[in-house]
Amino acid sequence: MFDGVAEKYDRTNTVLAFGRDRVWRRLTREALGLRPGERVLDLAAGTGVSTMELARSGAAAVGVDFSTGMLEVGHRARPSVPLLAGDALALPFADGTFDAATISFGLRNIVDPDAALRELARVTRPGGRLVVCEFSHPVVAPFRAVYLRYLMGALPAVARRVSSNPDAYVYLAESIQAWPDQRALAERIAEAGWAKVAWRNLTGGVVALHRAFRP
């Protein structure tokens, strides 16, 4: 599915998010608190837009994705960004390789999100940081109602105009609606071995940043 949307993926995301995707990437980078010389893993990196944003901190950012189609587009568009093919459930890195790790809008697409969170903990050093940037549940009821109407109705319609695979965005809307809310995701992150889990709502809870530390 992601191979099929790769060619126009970045443009489609920006249109569907009304340009807020750029802000969400910047806030993810800031939440990680990266320092020059540190190593950071960007899981489900897609075409490397998020990896490139992380590298602005001066850290050595490596992107990993399961979709070879996304990686091919990323290699063409951003040849200087390190992008590797890899499985989130069996990452090709030794224990404690990274100072920080992040996954943006990818955790709900993994067949076993809890196993992926444990695998992220394995490759992050003790004391290292995790930030999960993911769609969540708007916290104000009237706004939530408007958002759900957009998600289930307008979003697929817009995708038909701008995406290379509009049917994939029907799945996108359904997967967002079925995803756990902020507190439930925080509990799952903690159960996967992460400590001091907290979250911050962005855009009224349309997106949430969950931050945690490796014990």
C-alpha atoms as a PDB file:
ATOM      1  CA  MET A   1       0.000   0.000   0.000  1.00  0.00           C
ATOM      2  CA  PHE A   2       2.750   2.459   0.903  1.00  0.00           C
ATOM      3  CA  ASP A   3       4.664   1.625  -2.265  1.00  0.00           C
ATOM      4  CA  GLY A   4       1.527   2.722  -4.122  1.00  0.00           C
ATOM      5  CA  VAL A   5       1.296   6.138  -2.448  1.00  0.00           C
ATOM      6  CA  ALA A   6       5.029   6.872  -2.382  1.00  0.00           C
ATOM      7  CA  GLU A   7       5.299   9.069  -5.483  1.00  0.00           C
ATOM      8  CA  LYS A   8       2.963  11.791  -4.199  1.00  0.00           C
ATOM      9  CA  TYR A   9       3.103  10.941  -0.496  1.00  0.00           C
ATOM     10  CA  ASP A  10       4.736  14.110   0.822  1.00  0.00           C
ATOM     11  CA  ARG A  11       2.530  16.481  -1.177  1.00  0.00           C
ATOM     12  CA  THR A  12      -0.620  14.592  -0.217  1.00  0.00           C
ATOM     13  CA  ASN A  13       0.255  14.711   3.485  1.00  0.00           C
ATOM     14  CA  THR A  14       0.836  18.453   3.374  1.00  0.00           C
ATOM     15  CA  VAL A  15      -2.497  19.054   1.602  1.00  0.00           C
ATOM     16  CA  LEU A  16      -4.495  16.789   3.942  1.00  0.00           C
ATOM     17  CA  ALA A  17      -2.882  18.297   7.049  1.00  0.00           C
ATOM     18  CA  PHE A  18      -3.327  21.898   5.829  1.00  0.00           C
ATOM     19  CA  GLY A  19       0.443  22.362   6.115  1.00  0.00           C
ATOM     20  CA  ARG A  20       0.533  21.436   9.805  1.00  0.00           C
ATOM     21  CA  ASP A  21       2.764  18.427   9.049  1.00  0.00           C
ATOM     22  CA  ARG A  22       5.779  20.744   8.919  1.00  0.00           C
ATOM     23  CA  VAL A  23       5.012  22.037  12.403  1.00  0.00           C
ATOM     24  CA  TRP A  24       4.501  18.514  13.757  1.00  0.00           C
ATOM     25  CA  ARG A  25       7.918  17.449  12.402  1.00  0.00           C
ATOM     26  CA  ARG A  26       9.636  20.424  13.999  1.00  0.00           C
ATOM     27  CA  LEU A  27       7.974  19.828  17.362  1.00  0.00           C
ATOM     28  CA  THR A  28       8.961  16.166  17.233  1.00  0.00           C
ATOM     29  CA  ARG A  29      12.583  17.163  16.726  1.00  0.00           C
ATOM     30  CA  GLU A  30      12.415  19.651  19.592  1.00  0.00           C
ATOM     31  CA  ALA A  31      10.776  17.106  21.922  1.00  0.00           C
ATOM     32  CA  LEU A  32      13.683  14.699  21.399  1.00  0.00           C
ATOM     33  CA  GLY A  33      16.144  17.280  22.738  1.00  0.00           C
ATOM     34  CA  LEU A  34      18.825  16.178  20.298  1.00  0.00           C
ATOM     35  CA  ARG A  35      22.395  17.377  20.601  1.00  0.00           C
ATOM     36  CA  PRO A  36      25.140  17.495  17.945  1.00  0.00           C
ATOM     37  CA  GLY A  37      26.945  14.185  17.705  1.00  0.00           C
ATOM     38  CA  GLU A  38      24.108  12.067  19.069  1.00  0.00           C
ATOM     39  CA  ARG A  39      22.590   9.235  17.037  1.00  0.00           C
ATOM     40  CA  VAL A  40      18.852   9.169  16.405  1.00  0.00           C
ATOM     41  CA  LEU A  41      16.718   6.516  14.723  1.00  0.00           C
ATOM     42  CA  ASP A  42      13.766   7.646  12.615  1.00  0.00           C
ATOM     43  CA  LEU A  43      11.560   4.580  12.264  1.00  0.00           C
ATOM     44  CA  ALA A  44       8.895   4.469   9.522  1.00  0.00           C
ATOM     45  CA  ALA A  45      10.812   7.315   7.908  1.00  0.00           C
ATOM     46  CA  GLY A  46       9.096   7.008   4.544  1.00  0.00           C
ATOM     47  CA  THR A  47      10.764   9.300   2.028  1.00  0.00           C
ATOM     48  CA  GLY A  48      13.053  10.833   4.648  1.00  0.00           C
ATOM     49  CA  VAL A  49      11.342  14.194   5.183  1.00  0.00           C
ATOM     50  CA  SER A  50      11.243  13.559   8.939  1.00  0.00           C
ATOM     51  CA  THR A  51      14.822  12.246   8.958  1.00  0.00           C
ATOM     52  CA  MET A  52      16.037  15.414   7.264  1.00  0.00           C
ATOM     53  CA  GLU A  53      14.225  17.500   9.902  1.00  0.00           C
ATOM     54  CA  LEU A  54      15.910  15.547  12.722  1.00  0.00           C
ATOM     55  CA  ALA A  55      19.337  16.121  11.143  1.00  0.00           C
ATOM     56  CA  ARG A  56      18.842  19.881  11.514  1.00  0.00           C
ATOM     57  CA  SER A  57      19.686  19.393  15.203  1.00  0.00           C
ATOM     58  CA  GLY A  58      23.232  18.322  14.357  1.00  0.00           C
ATOM     59  CA  ALA A  59      22.536  14.740  15.386  1.00  0.00           C
ATOM     60  CA  ALA A  60      23.334  11.820  13.083  1.00  0.00           C
ATOM     61  CA  ALA A  61      19.868  10.764  11.897  1.00  0.00           C
ATOM     62  CA  VAL A  62      19.190   7.404  10.238  1.00  0.00           C
ATOM     63  CA  GLY A  63      15.834   6.616   8.643  1.00  0.00           C
ATOM     64  CA  VAL A  64      14.410   3.088   8.417  1.00  0.00           C
ATOM     65  CA  ASP A  65      11.289   2.004   6.551  1.00  0.00           C
ATOM     66  CA  PHE A  66       9.658  -1.251   5.461  1.00  0.00           C
ATOM     67  CA  SER A  67       8.431   0.143   2.112  1.00  0.00           C
ATOM     68  CA  THR A  68      11.012  -0.023  -0.659  1.00  0.00           C
ATOM     69  CA  GLY A  69       8.826   2.232  -2.785  1.00  0.00           C
ATOM     70  CA  MET A  70       8.978   4.993  -0.187  1.00  0.00           C
ATOM     71  CA  LEU A  71      12.729   4.544   0.137  1.00  0.00           C
ATOM     72  CA  GLU A  72      13.231   4.752  -3.628  1.00  0.00           C
ATOM     73  CA  VAL A  73      11.409   8.100  -3.736  1.00  0.00           C
ATOM     74  CA  GLY A  74      13.403   9.280  -0.731  1.00  0.00           C
ATOM     75  CA  HIS A  75      16.738   8.318  -2.264  1.00  0.00           C
ATOM     76  CA  ARG A  76      15.889  10.286  -5.407  1.00  0.00           C
ATOM     77  CA  ALA A  77      14.592  13.349  -3.576  1.00  0.00           C
ATOM     78  CA  ARG A  78      17.090  13.393  -0.691  1.00  0.00           C
ATOM     79  CA  PRO A  79      20.244  11.501  -1.726  1.00  0.00           C
ATOM     80  CA  SER A  80      22.233  12.793   1.261  1.00  0.00           C
ATOM     81  CA  VAL A  81      19.788  11.421   3.859  1.00  0.00           C
ATOM     82  CA  PRO A  82      20.703   7.929   5.196  1.00  0.00           C
ATOM     83  CA  LEU A  83      17.658   5.708   4.527  1.00  0.00           C
ATOM     84  CA  LEU A  84      17.678   1.955   5.104  1.00  0.00           C
ATOM     85  CA  ALA A  85      15.201  -0.849   4.485  1.00  0.00           C
ATOM     86  CA  GLY A  86      14.241  -2.573   7.705  1.00  0.00           C
ATOM     87  CA  ASP A  87      11.535  -4.304   9.711  1.00  0.00           C
ATOM     88  CA  ALA A  88      10.308  -2.488  12.833  1.00  0.00           C
ATOM     89  CA  LEU A  89       9.982  -5.870  14.569  1.00  0.00           C
ATOM     90  CA  ALA A  90      13.595  -6.874  13.867  1.00  0.00           C
ATOM     91  CA  LEU A  91      15.704  -3.734  13.525  1.00  0.00           C
ATOM     92  CA  PRO A  92      19.159  -4.241  11.974  1.00  0.00           C
ATOM     93  CA  PHE A  93      21.025  -2.589  14.855  1.00  0.00           C
ATOM     94  CA  ALA A  94      22.825  -3.742  17.984  1.00  0.00           C
ATOM     95  CA  ASP A  95      21.445  -3.144  21.455  1.00  0.00           C
ATOM     96  CA  GLY A  96      21.820   0.441  22.680  1.00  0.00           C
ATOM     97  CA  THR A  97      22.937   1.846  19.314  1.00  0.00           C
ATOM     98  CA  PHE A  98      20.973   5.104  19.499  1.00  0.00           C
ATOM     99  CA  ASP A  99      20.725   8.018  21.910  1.00  0.00           C
ATOM    100  CA  ALA A 100      17.156   8.658  20.816  1.00  0.00           C
ATOM    101  CA  ALA A 101      14.460   7.134  18.631  1.00  0.00           C
ATOM    102  CA  THR A 102      11.253   8.364  17.081  1.00  0.00           C
ATOM    103  CA  ILE A 103       8.397   7.159  14.930  1.00  0.00           C
ATOM    104  CA  SER A 104       5.941   9.551  13.283  1.00  0.00           C
ATOM    105  CA  PHE A 105       2.558   8.392  11.964  1.00  0.00           C
ATOM    106  CA  GLY A 106       3.847   4.860  11.594  1.00  0.00           C
ATOM    107  CA  LEU A 107       3.225   2.978  14.816  1.00  0.00           C
ATOM    108  CA  ARG A 108      -0.420   2.185  14.017  1.00  0.00           C
ATOM    109  CA  ASN A 109       0.648   0.726  10.660  1.00  0.00           C
ATOM    110  CA  ILE A 110       2.882  -1.930  12.234  1.00  0.00           C
ATOM    111  CA  VAL A 111       1.324  -5.365  12.657  1.00  0.00           C
ATOM    112  CA  ASP A 112       2.419  -5.504  16.325  1.00  0.00           C
ATOM    113  CA  PRO A 113       2.893  -1.972  17.739  1.00  0.00           C
ATOM    114  CA  ASP A 114       3.800  -3.260  21.218  1.00  0.00           C
ATOM    115  CA  ALA A 115       6.596  -5.434  19.833  1.00  0.00           C
ATOM    116  CA  ALA A 116       7.855  -2.442  17.827  1.00  0.00           C
ATOM    117  CA  LEU A 117       7.976  -0.329  20.999  1.00  0.00           C
ATOM    118  CA  ARG A 118      10.010  -3.063  22.699  1.00  0.00           C
ATOM    119  CA  GLU A 119      12.348  -3.243  19.714  1.00  0.00           C
ATOM    120  CA  LEU A 120      12.821   0.538  19.838  1.00  0.00           C
ATOM    121  CA  ALA A 121      13.733   0.177  23.526  1.00  0.00           C
ATOM    122  CA  ARG A 122      16.282  -2.510  22.660  1.00  0.00           C
ATOM    123  CA  VAL A 123      18.212  -0.337  20.193  1.00  0.00           C
ATOM    124  CA  THR A 124      18.104   2.767  22.433  1.00  0.00           C
ATOM    125  CA  ARG A 125      20.753   3.161  25.133  1.00  0.00           C
ATOM    126  CA  PRO A 126      19.788   3.419  28.818  1.00  0.00           C
ATOM    127  CA  GLY A 127      18.770   7.014  29.492  1.00  0.00           C
ATOM    128  CA  GLY A 128      17.890   7.540  25.837  1.00  0.00           C
ATOM    129  CA  ARG A 129      14.680   9.176  24.649  1.00  0.00           C
ATOM    130  CA  LEU A 130      11.673   8.141  22.608  1.00  0.00           C
ATOM    131  CA  VAL A 131       9.107  10.373  20.912  1.00  0.00           C
ATOM    132  CA  VAL A 132       6.043   8.908  19.215  1.00  0.00           C
ATOM    133  CA  CYS A 133       4.213  11.381  16.985  1.00  0.00           C
ATOM    134  CA  GLU A 134       0.859   9.918  16.022  1.00  0.00           C
ATOM    135  CA  PHE A 135      -2.711  10.853  15.207  1.00  0.00           C
ATOM    136  CA  SER A 136      -4.851  10.827  18.338  1.00  0.00           C
ATOM    137  CA  HIS A 137      -8.221  11.933  19.728  1.00  0.00           C
ATOM    138  CA  PRO A 138      -9.238  15.630  19.791  1.00  0.00           C
ATOM    139  CA  VAL A 139     -10.008  16.608  23.370  1.00  0.00           C
ATOM    140  CA  VAL A 140     -12.850  19.125  22.827  1.00  0.00           C
ATOM    141  CA  ALA A 141     -16.129  17.444  21.868  1.00  0.00           C
ATOM    142  CA  PRO A 142     -17.401  19.951  19.227  1.00  0.00           C
ATOM    143  CA  PHE A 143     -14.011  20.018  17.495  1.00  0.00           C
ATOM    144  CA  ARG A 144     -13.827  16.207  17.685  1.00  0.00           C
ATOM    145  CA  ALA A 145     -17.171  15.942  15.869  1.00  0.00           C
ATOM    146  CA  VAL A 146     -16.004  18.270  13.082  1.00  0.00           C
ATOM    147  CA  TYR A 147     -12.693  16.431  12.819  1.00  0.00           C
ATOM    148  CA  LEU A 148     -14.356  13.017  12.501  1.00  0.00           C
ATOM    149  CA  ARG A 149     -16.595  14.308   9.721  1.00  0.00           C
ATOM    150  CA  TYR A 150     -13.509  15.539   7.867  1.00  0.00           C
ATOM    151  CA  LEU A 151     -11.617  12.316   8.577  1.00  0.00           C
ATOM    152  CA  MET A 152     -14.293   9.950   7.316  1.00  0.00           C
ATOM    153  CA  GLY A 153     -15.769  12.115   4.567  1.00  0.00           C
ATOM    154  CA  ALA A 154     -13.616  14.920   3.239  1.00  0.00           C
ATOM    155  CA  LEU A 155     -10.191  13.331   3.670  1.00  0.00           C
ATOM    156  CA  PRO A 156     -10.796  10.451   1.208  1.00  0.00           C
ATOM    157  CA  ALA A 157     -12.390  12.897  -1.243  1.00  0.00           C
ATOM    158  CA  VAL A 158      -9.373  15.211  -1.127  1.00  0.00           C
ATOM    159  CA  ALA A 159      -7.033  12.223  -1.464  1.00  0.00           C
ATOM    160  CA  ARG A 160      -8.755  11.247  -4.710  1.00  0.00           C
ATOM    161  CA  ARG A 161      -7.611  14.558  -6.189  1.00  0.00           C
ATOM    162  CA  VAL A 162      -3.992  14.613  -4.997  1.00  0.00           C
ATOM    163  CA  SER A 163      -2.860  11.062  -4.131  1.00  0.00           C
ATOM    164  CA  SER A 164      -1.386   8.399  -6.397  1.00  0.00           C
ATOM    165  CA  ASN A 165      -3.436   5.745  -4.519  1.00  0.00           C
ATOM    166  CA  PRO A 166      -6.622   7.288  -3.046  1.00  0.00           C
ATOM    167  CA  ASP A 167      -7.957   3.995  -1.655  1.00  0.00           C
ATOM    168  CA  ALA A 168      -5.065   3.929   0.812  1.00  0.00           C
ATOM    169  CA  TYR A 169      -6.476   7.019   2.491  1.00  0.00           C
ATOM    170  CA  VAL A 170      -9.707   5.232   3.312  1.00  0.00           C
ATOM    171  CA  TYR A 171      -7.540   2.884   5.364  1.00  0.00           C
ATOM    172  CA  LEU A 172      -5.778   5.931   6.824  1.00  0.00           C
ATOM    173  CA  ALA A 173      -9.031   7.412   8.097  1.00  0.00           C
ATOM    174  CA  GLU A 174     -10.253   4.097   9.519  1.00  0.00           C
ATOM    175  CA  SER A 175      -6.953   3.334  11.246  1.00  0.00           C
ATOM    176  CA  ILE A 176      -6.862   6.776  12.875  1.00  0.00           C
ATOM    177  CA  GLN A 177     -10.391   6.386  14.197  1.00  0.00           C
ATOM    178  CA  ALA A 178      -9.577   2.963  15.675  1.00  0.00           C
ATOM    179  CA  TRP A 179      -6.268   4.032  17.292  1.00  0.00           C
ATOM    180  CA  PRO A 180      -6.035   4.259  21.131  1.00  0.00           C
ATOM    181  CA  ASP A 181      -6.448   7.641  22.792  1.00  0.00           C
ATOM    182  CA  GLN A 182      -3.607   9.504  24.474  1.00  0.00           C
ATOM    183  CA  ARG A 183      -3.790   7.791  27.869  1.00  0.00           C
ATOM    184  CA  ALA A 184      -4.193   4.297  26.410  1.00  0.00           C
ATOM    185  CA  LEU A 185      -1.158   4.753  24.162  1.00  0.00           C
ATOM    186  CA  ALA A 186       0.892   6.066  27.091  1.00  0.00           C
ATOM    187  CA  GLU A 187       0.051   2.897  29.023  1.00  0.00           C
ATOM    188  CA  ARG A 188       1.140   0.709  26.123  1.00  0.00           C
ATOM    189  CA  ILE A 189       4.446   2.587  25.809  1.00  0.00           C
ATOM    190  CA  ALA A 190       5.106   2.055  29.518  1.00  0.00           C
ATOM    191  CA  GLU A 191       4.208  -1.645  29.280  1.00  0.00           C
ATOM    192  CA  ALA A 192       6.774  -1.980  26.468  1.00  0.00           C
ATOM    193  CA  GLY A 193       9.564  -1.000  28.864  1.00  0.00           C
ATOM    194  CA  TRP A 194       9.724   2.776  28.643  1.00  0.00           C
ATOM    195  CA  ALA A 195       9.677   5.073  31.699  1.00  0.00           C
ATOM    196  CA  LYS A 196       8.401   8.570  32.531  1.00  0.00           C
ATOM    197  CA  VAL A 197       5.848   8.504  29.727  1.00  0.00           C
ATOM    198  CA  ALA A 198       4.055  11.798  29.100  1.00  0.00           C
ATOM    199  CA  TRP A 199       2.218  13.336  26.194  1.00  0.00           C
ATOM    200  CA  ARG A 200       1.477  16.703  24.651  1.00  0.00           C
ATOM    201  CA  ASN A 201      -1.504  17.399  22.422  1.00  0.00           C
ATOM    202  CA  LEU A 202      -0.947  19.187  19.121  1.00  0.00           C
ATOM    203  CA  THR A 203      -3.683  20.822  17.049  1.00  0.00           C
ATOM    204  CA  GLY A 204      -6.251  20.180  19.760  1.00  0.00           C
ATOM    205  CA  GLY A 205      -5.389  16.500  20.049  1.00  0.00           C
ATOM    206  CA  VAL A 206      -5.550  15.674  16.346  1.00  0.00           C
ATOM    207  CA  VAL A 207      -1.925  14.644  16.930  1.00  0.00           C
ATOM    208  CA  ALA A 208      -0.178  13.757  20.178  1.00  0.00           C
ATOM    209  CA  LEU A 209       3.519  13.647  21.008  1.00  0.00           C
ATOM    210  CA  HIS A 210       4.322  10.898  23.514  1.00  0.00           C
ATOM    211  CA  ARG A 211       7.753  11.194  25.125  1.00  0.00           C
ATOM    212  CA  ALA A 212       9.458   8.525  27.212  1.00  0.00           C
ATOM    213  CA  PHE A 213      12.873   7.461  28.494  1.00  0.00           C
ATOM    214  CA  ARG A 214      14.781   4.188  28.370  1.00  0.00           C
ATOM    215  CA  PRO A 215      15.429   2.980  31.954  1.00  0.00           C
END
